[in-house]
């Protein structure tokens, strides 16, 4: 599944320690844009969505 923000937002590549922490900090700060993440592990993307850290994601970058 390709991942790219369709509207104004942030794309995080990798939902490991740094990417996941960045997503959590953005949400905690009240960031109102869309947060999309790309990770090669689909389970990590699903976990990020389930935890409310990201709005959407996928396993492949969309070249626009």
N, C-alpha and C. Protein backbone atom coordinates (compact mmCIF):
# COMPACT_ATOMS: atom_id res chain seq x y z
N UNK A 1 0.84 -1.18 0.00
CA UNK A 1 0.00 0.00 0.00
C UNK A 1 0.89 1.24 0.00
N UNK A 2 0.72 2.17 -0.94
CA UNK A 2 1.51 3.40 -0.96
C UNK A 2 1.13 4.30 0.20
N UNK A 3 2.08 5.10 0.65
CA UNK A 3 1.77 6.05 1.71
C UNK A 3 2.27 7.44 1.32
N UNK A 4 1.38 8.39 1.39
CA UNK A 4 1.69 9.80 1.14
C UNK A 4 0.54 10.62 1.68
N UNK A 5 0.86 11.74 2.34
CA UNK A 5 -0.23 12.57 2.85
C UNK A 5 -1.01 13.20 1.70
N UNK A 6 -2.32 13.02 1.69
CA UNK A 6 -3.16 13.56 0.61
C UNK A 6 -3.41 15.05 0.78
N UNK A 7 -3.29 15.54 1.98
CA UNK A 7 -3.49 16.95 2.26
C UNK A 7 -2.33 17.41 3.12
N UNK A 8 -2.41 18.62 3.61
CA UNK A 8 -1.33 19.14 4.43
C UNK A 8 -1.11 18.22 5.63
N UNK A 9 0.11 17.80 5.81
CA UNK A 9 0.41 16.90 6.90
C UNK A 9 1.88 16.55 6.92
N UNK A 10 2.18 15.52 7.68
CA UNK A 10 3.55 15.07 7.87
C UNK A 10 3.63 13.60 7.49
N UNK A 11 4.70 13.25 6.79
CA UNK A 11 4.98 11.86 6.47
C UNK A 11 6.19 11.43 7.29
N UNK A 12 6.03 10.42 8.11
CA UNK A 12 7.12 9.88 8.91
C UNK A 12 7.56 8.58 8.26
N UNK A 13 8.84 8.48 7.95
CA UNK A 13 9.37 7.26 7.35
C UNK A 13 10.03 6.45 8.45
N UNK A 14 9.41 5.33 8.79
CA UNK A 14 9.90 4.46 9.85
C UNK A 14 9.19 4.74 11.16
N UNK A 15 8.60 3.70 11.74
CA UNK A 15 7.89 3.85 13.01
C UNK A 15 8.63 3.15 14.15
N UNK A 16 9.94 3.21 14.10
CA UNK A 16 10.73 2.66 15.19
C UNK A 16 10.73 3.63 16.37
N UNK A 17 11.77 3.60 17.14
CA UNK A 17 11.86 4.43 18.34
C UNK A 17 11.75 5.92 18.01
N UNK A 18 12.48 6.37 17.01
CA UNK A 18 12.47 7.80 16.68
C UNK A 18 11.17 8.20 15.99
N UNK A 19 10.76 7.46 14.96
CA UNK A 19 9.53 7.81 14.24
C UNK A 19 8.30 7.70 15.11
N UNK A 20 8.22 6.66 15.93
CA UNK A 20 7.08 6.50 16.83
C UNK A 20 7.04 7.60 17.89
N UNK A 21 8.22 7.96 18.40
CA UNK A 21 8.29 9.04 19.39
C UNK A 21 7.90 10.38 18.78
N UNK A 22 8.32 10.61 17.54
CA UNK A 22 7.94 11.84 16.85
C UNK A 22 6.43 11.92 16.66
N UNK A 23 5.83 10.82 16.23
CA UNK A 23 4.38 10.79 16.05
C UNK A 23 3.66 11.05 17.37
N UNK A 24 4.13 10.41 18.45
CA UNK A 24 3.52 10.60 19.76
C UNK A 24 3.65 12.04 20.24
N UNK A 25 4.82 12.64 20.02
CA UNK A 25 5.03 14.02 20.44
C UNK A 25 4.16 14.99 19.65
N UNK A 26 3.99 14.74 18.36
CA UNK A 26 3.13 15.59 17.54
C UNK A 26 1.69 15.53 18.04
N UNK A 27 1.20 14.33 18.29
CA UNK A 27 -0.17 14.17 18.79
C UNK A 27 -0.32 14.83 20.16
N UNK A 28 0.65 14.63 21.05
CA UNK A 28 0.59 15.18 22.40
C UNK A 28 0.63 16.71 22.40
N UNK A 29 1.31 17.28 21.39
CA UNK A 29 1.42 18.74 21.32
C UNK A 29 0.17 19.39 20.74
N UNK A 30 -0.76 18.57 20.25
CA UNK A 30 -1.98 19.11 19.67
C UNK A 30 -1.89 19.37 18.18
N UNK A 31 -0.88 18.83 17.53
CA UNK A 31 -0.75 19.00 16.08
C UNK A 31 -2.05 18.55 15.40
N UNK A 32 -2.60 19.42 14.54
CA UNK A 32 -3.91 19.13 13.95
C UNK A 32 -3.84 18.66 12.51
N UNK A 33 -2.65 18.59 11.94
CA UNK A 33 -2.52 18.08 10.57
C UNK A 33 -2.58 16.57 10.56
N UNK A 34 -2.55 16.04 9.38
CA UNK A 34 -2.62 14.59 9.19
C UNK A 34 -1.23 13.99 9.34
N UNK A 35 -1.11 12.91 10.09
CA UNK A 35 0.17 12.23 10.27
C UNK A 35 0.07 10.88 9.57
N UNK A 36 0.92 10.70 8.57
CA UNK A 36 0.97 9.47 7.78
C UNK A 36 2.36 8.88 7.98
N UNK A 37 2.43 7.57 8.10
CA UNK A 37 3.73 6.91 8.30
C UNK A 37 3.93 5.81 7.28
N UNK A 38 5.19 5.59 6.97
CA UNK A 38 5.57 4.51 6.07
C UNK A 38 6.60 3.65 6.80
N UNK A 39 6.36 2.36 6.84
CA UNK A 39 7.28 1.42 7.49
C UNK A 39 7.24 0.13 6.69
N UNK A 40 8.34 -0.57 6.60
CA UNK A 40 8.34 -1.80 5.81
C UNK A 40 7.56 -2.93 6.47
N UNK A 41 7.25 -2.76 7.76
CA UNK A 41 6.49 -3.77 8.51
C UNK A 41 5.04 -3.31 8.66
N UNK A 42 4.13 -3.97 7.96
CA UNK A 42 2.71 -3.59 8.00
C UNK A 42 2.12 -3.68 9.40
N UNK A 43 2.65 -4.58 10.22
CA UNK A 43 2.16 -4.70 11.61
C UNK A 43 2.48 -3.44 12.41
N UNK A 44 3.63 -2.83 12.15
CA UNK A 44 4.00 -1.59 12.84
C UNK A 44 3.07 -0.45 12.45
N UNK A 45 2.72 -0.40 11.17
CA UNK A 45 1.78 0.63 10.70
C UNK A 45 0.43 0.43 11.38
N UNK A 46 -0.05 -0.81 11.41
CA UNK A 46 -1.33 -1.10 12.06
C UNK A 46 -1.29 -0.75 13.54
N UNK A 47 -0.18 -1.04 14.20
CA UNK A 47 -0.04 -0.73 15.62
C UNK A 47 -0.07 0.79 15.84
N UNK A 48 0.60 1.55 14.97
CA UNK A 48 0.59 3.01 15.08
C UNK A 48 -0.80 3.59 14.94
N UNK A 49 -1.58 3.02 14.03
CA UNK A 49 -2.97 3.47 13.84
C UNK A 49 -3.81 3.10 15.06
N UNK A 50 -3.66 1.86 15.52
CA UNK A 50 -4.42 1.39 16.70
C UNK A 50 -4.12 2.21 17.94
N UNK A 51 -2.87 2.64 18.09
CA UNK A 51 -2.47 3.42 19.26
C UNK A 51 -2.84 4.90 19.13
N UNK A 52 -3.33 5.29 17.94
CA UNK A 52 -3.70 6.68 17.73
C UNK A 52 -2.52 7.60 17.47
N UNK A 53 -1.37 7.02 17.12
CA UNK A 53 -0.19 7.83 16.86
C UNK A 53 -0.17 8.40 15.45
N UNK A 54 -0.74 7.65 14.51
CA UNK A 54 -0.78 8.10 13.12
C UNK A 54 -2.21 7.97 12.60
N UNK A 55 -2.49 8.72 11.56
CA UNK A 55 -3.82 8.69 10.96
C UNK A 55 -3.94 7.64 9.87
N UNK A 56 -2.83 7.37 9.19
CA UNK A 56 -2.85 6.41 8.10
C UNK A 56 -1.40 6.02 7.82
N UNK A 57 -1.21 4.99 7.02
CA UNK A 57 0.14 4.58 6.69
C UNK A 57 0.16 3.45 5.70
N UNK A 58 1.34 3.06 5.34
CA UNK A 58 1.51 1.98 4.39
C UNK A 58 2.93 1.46 4.41
N UNK A 59 3.23 0.58 3.46
CA UNK A 59 4.54 -0.06 3.43
C UNK A 59 5.40 0.38 2.26
N UNK A 60 4.88 1.23 1.39
CA UNK A 60 5.65 1.72 0.25
C UNK A 60 5.44 3.22 0.11
N UNK A 61 6.53 3.93 -0.20
CA UNK A 61 6.42 5.35 -0.46
C UNK A 61 5.79 5.56 -1.83
N UNK A 62 4.85 6.46 -1.90
CA UNK A 62 4.21 6.82 -3.16
C UNK A 62 5.06 7.93 -3.81
N UNK A 63 5.50 7.74 -5.03
CA UNK A 63 6.40 8.75 -5.64
C UNK A 63 5.70 10.04 -6.08
N UNK A 64 4.46 10.21 -5.69
CA UNK A 64 3.66 11.38 -6.06
C UNK A 64 3.58 11.44 -7.55
